[in-house]
Amino acid sequence: MPLIEVSIARGRTPEQLRSLIGELHRAAEKAVGAVPENTTVIVREIEHEHWSRGNQTIAERNAAAQETATAHEAAANLAAEQRSH
């Protein structure tokens, strides 16, 4: 009776989560001969503010990446504007 527990950052579609569950069931069947009706899969979705690596949450990393992308976009727009003059 395999019990498979997965923690994943929130943000996947229901279809993606369903696919993950299906793949985990198939992996248990293949790897240990588990019977599907005896396999339990638990998927825990974790809020981005509650998951950290390297003392930085996913939310903080996403915000920093957005700031960097915005800064690069602003610099590119300024460069393009200067070239057009």
C-alpha atoms as a PDB file:
ATOM      1  CA  MET A   1       0.000   0.000   0.000  1.00  0.00           C
ATOM      2  CA  PRO A   2       2.233   2.839  -1.197  1.00  0.00           C
ATOM      3  CA  LEU A   3       1.581   6.283   0.213  1.00  0.00           C
ATOM      4  CA  ILE A   4       3.175   8.931  -1.992  1.00  0.00           C
ATOM      5  CA  GLU A   5       3.302  12.471  -0.611  1.00  0.00           C
ATOM      6  CA  VAL A   6       4.387  15.382  -2.779  1.00  0.00           C
ATOM      7  CA  SER A   7       4.810  19.033  -1.854  1.00  0.00           C
ATOM      8  CA  ILE A   8       4.722  21.453  -4.761  1.00  0.00           C
ATOM      9  CA  ALA A   9       4.529  25.220  -5.017  1.00  0.00           C
ATOM     10  CA  ARG A  10       1.003  26.461  -5.676  1.00  0.00           C
ATOM     11  CA  GLY A  11       0.279  27.535  -9.219  1.00  0.00           C
ATOM     12  CA  ARG A  12      -0.290  24.413 -11.310  1.00  0.00           C
ATOM     13  CA  THR A  13      -3.485  23.919 -13.229  1.00  0.00           C
ATOM     14  CA  PRO A  14      -5.899  21.156 -12.204  1.00  0.00           C
ATOM     15  CA  GLU A  15      -4.872  19.326 -15.382  1.00  0.00           C
ATOM     16  CA  GLN A  16      -1.177  19.494 -14.435  1.00  0.00           C
ATOM     17  CA  LEU A  17      -1.906  18.216 -10.926  1.00  0.00           C
ATOM     18  CA  ARG A  18      -4.041  15.403 -12.326  1.00  0.00           C
ATOM     19  CA  SER A  19      -1.227  14.458 -14.697  1.00  0.00           C
ATOM     20  CA  LEU A  20       1.248  14.418 -11.800  1.00  0.00           C
ATOM     21  CA  ILE A  21      -1.035  12.140  -9.796  1.00  0.00           C
ATOM     22  CA  GLY A  22      -1.430   9.788 -12.753  1.00  0.00           C
ATOM     23  CA  GLU A  23       2.323   9.628 -13.345  1.00  0.00           C
ATOM     24  CA  LEU A  24       2.992   8.919  -9.668  1.00  0.00           C
ATOM     25  CA  HIS A  25       0.458   6.069  -9.737  1.00  0.00           C
ATOM     26  CA  ARG A  26       2.078   4.626 -12.860  1.00  0.00           C
ATOM     27  CA  ALA A  27       5.547   4.917 -11.299  1.00  0.00           C
ATOM     28  CA  ALA A  28       4.401   2.991  -8.204  1.00  0.00           C
ATOM     29  CA  GLU A  29       2.871   0.289 -10.401  1.00  0.00           C
ATOM     30  CA  LYS A  30       6.033  -0.032 -12.480  1.00  0.00           C
ATOM     31  CA  ALA A  31       8.610   0.252  -9.697  1.00  0.00           C
ATOM     32  CA  VAL A  32       7.055  -1.908  -6.989  1.00  0.00           C
ATOM     33  CA  GLY A  33       4.092  -3.613  -8.616  1.00  0.00           C
ATOM     34  CA  ALA A  34       1.606  -1.538  -6.615  1.00  0.00           C
ATOM     35  CA  VAL A  35      -2.054  -2.094  -7.337  1.00  0.00           C
ATOM     36  CA  PRO A  36      -3.658   1.261  -8.292  1.00  0.00           C
ATOM     37  CA  GLU A  37      -6.557   0.931  -5.855  1.00  0.00           C
ATOM     38  CA  ASN A  38      -4.065   0.398  -3.022  1.00  0.00           C
ATOM     39  CA  THR A  39      -1.930   3.425  -3.879  1.00  0.00           C
ATOM     40  CA  THR A  40      -2.580   6.757  -2.191  1.00  0.00           C
ATOM     41  CA  VAL A  41      -1.168  10.024  -3.539  1.00  0.00           C
ATOM     42  CA  ILE A  42      -1.303  13.222  -1.511  1.00  0.00           C
ATOM     43  CA  VAL A  43      -0.366  16.482  -3.219  1.00  0.00           C
ATOM     44  CA  ARG A  44       0.230  19.455  -0.951  1.00  0.00           C
ATOM     45  CA  GLU A  45       0.311  22.833  -2.630  1.00  0.00           C
ATOM     46  CA  ILE A  46       2.447  25.284  -0.719  1.00  0.00           C
ATOM     47  CA  GLU A  47       1.977  29.046  -0.902  1.00  0.00           C
ATOM     48  CA  HIS A  48       4.934  30.865  -2.414  1.00  0.00           C
ATOM     49  CA  GLU A  49       5.378  32.848   0.807  1.00  0.00           C
ATOM     50  CA  HIS A  50       5.714  29.588   2.775  1.00  0.00           C
ATOM     51  CA  TRP A  51       8.464  27.927   0.700  1.00  0.00           C
ATOM     52  CA  SER A  52      12.041  29.095   0.844  1.00  0.00           C
ATOM     53  CA  ARG A  53      15.440  28.036  -0.370  1.00  0.00           C
ATOM     54  CA  GLY A  54      18.616  29.871   0.509  1.00  0.00           C
ATOM     55  CA  ASN A  55      16.658  32.053   2.961  1.00  0.00           C
ATOM     56  CA  GLN A  56      14.535  33.504   0.164  1.00  0.00           C
ATOM     57  CA  THR A  57      10.920  32.590  -0.461  1.00  0.00           C
ATOM     58  CA  ILE A  58       9.570  31.771  -3.897  1.00  0.00           C
ATOM     59  CA  ALA A  59       7.509  34.975  -3.664  1.00  0.00           C
ATOM     60  CA  GLU A  60      10.663  37.003  -2.966  1.00  0.00           C
ATOM     61  CA  ARG A  61      12.543  35.338  -5.845  1.00  0.00           C
ATOM     62  CA  ASN A  62       9.616  35.975  -8.195  1.00  0.00           C
ATOM     63  CA  ALA A  63       9.424  39.636  -7.134  1.00  0.00           C
ATOM     64  CA  ALA A  64      13.174  40.084  -7.644  1.00  0.00           C
ATOM     65  CA  ALA A  65      12.984  38.451 -11.070  1.00  0.00           C
ATOM     66  CA  GLN A  66      10.078  40.710 -12.018  1.00  0.00           C
ATOM     67  CA  GLU A  67      12.015  43.789 -10.908  1.00  0.00           C
ATOM     68  CA  THR A  68      15.018  42.694 -12.975  1.00  0.00           C
ATOM     69  CA  ALA A  69      12.836  42.042 -16.028  1.00  0.00           C
ATOM     70  CA  THR A  70      11.154  45.431 -15.626  1.00  0.00           C
ATOM     71  CA  ALA A  71      14.534  47.171 -15.316  1.00  0.00           C
ATOM     72  CA  HIS A  72      15.848  45.406 -18.441  1.00  0.00           C
ATOM     73  CA  GLU A  73      12.698  46.293 -20.347  1.00  0.00           C
ATOM     74  CA  ALA A  74      12.995  49.951 -19.296  1.00  0.00           C
ATOM     75  CA  ALA A  75      16.663  50.028 -20.342  1.00  0.00           C
ATOM     76  CA  ALA A  76      15.836  48.465 -23.713  1.00  0.00           C
ATOM     77  CA  ASN A  77      13.028  50.962 -24.290  1.00  0.00           C
ATOM     78  CA  LEU A  78      15.306  53.866 -23.405  1.00  0.00           C
ATOM     79  CA  ALA A  79      18.022  52.584 -25.745  1.00  0.00           C
ATOM     80  CA  ALA A  80      15.501  52.178 -28.555  1.00  0.00           C
ATOM     81  CA  GLU A  81      14.161  55.683 -27.931  1.00  0.00           C
ATOM     82  CA  GLN A  82      17.679  57.157 -27.989  1.00  0.00           C
ATOM     83  CA  ARG A  83      18.461  55.370 -31.287  1.00  0.00           C
ATOM     84  CA  SER A  84      15.333  56.780 -32.894  1.00  0.00           C
ATOM     85  CA  HIS A  85      16.374  60.398 -32.239  1.00  0.00           C
END
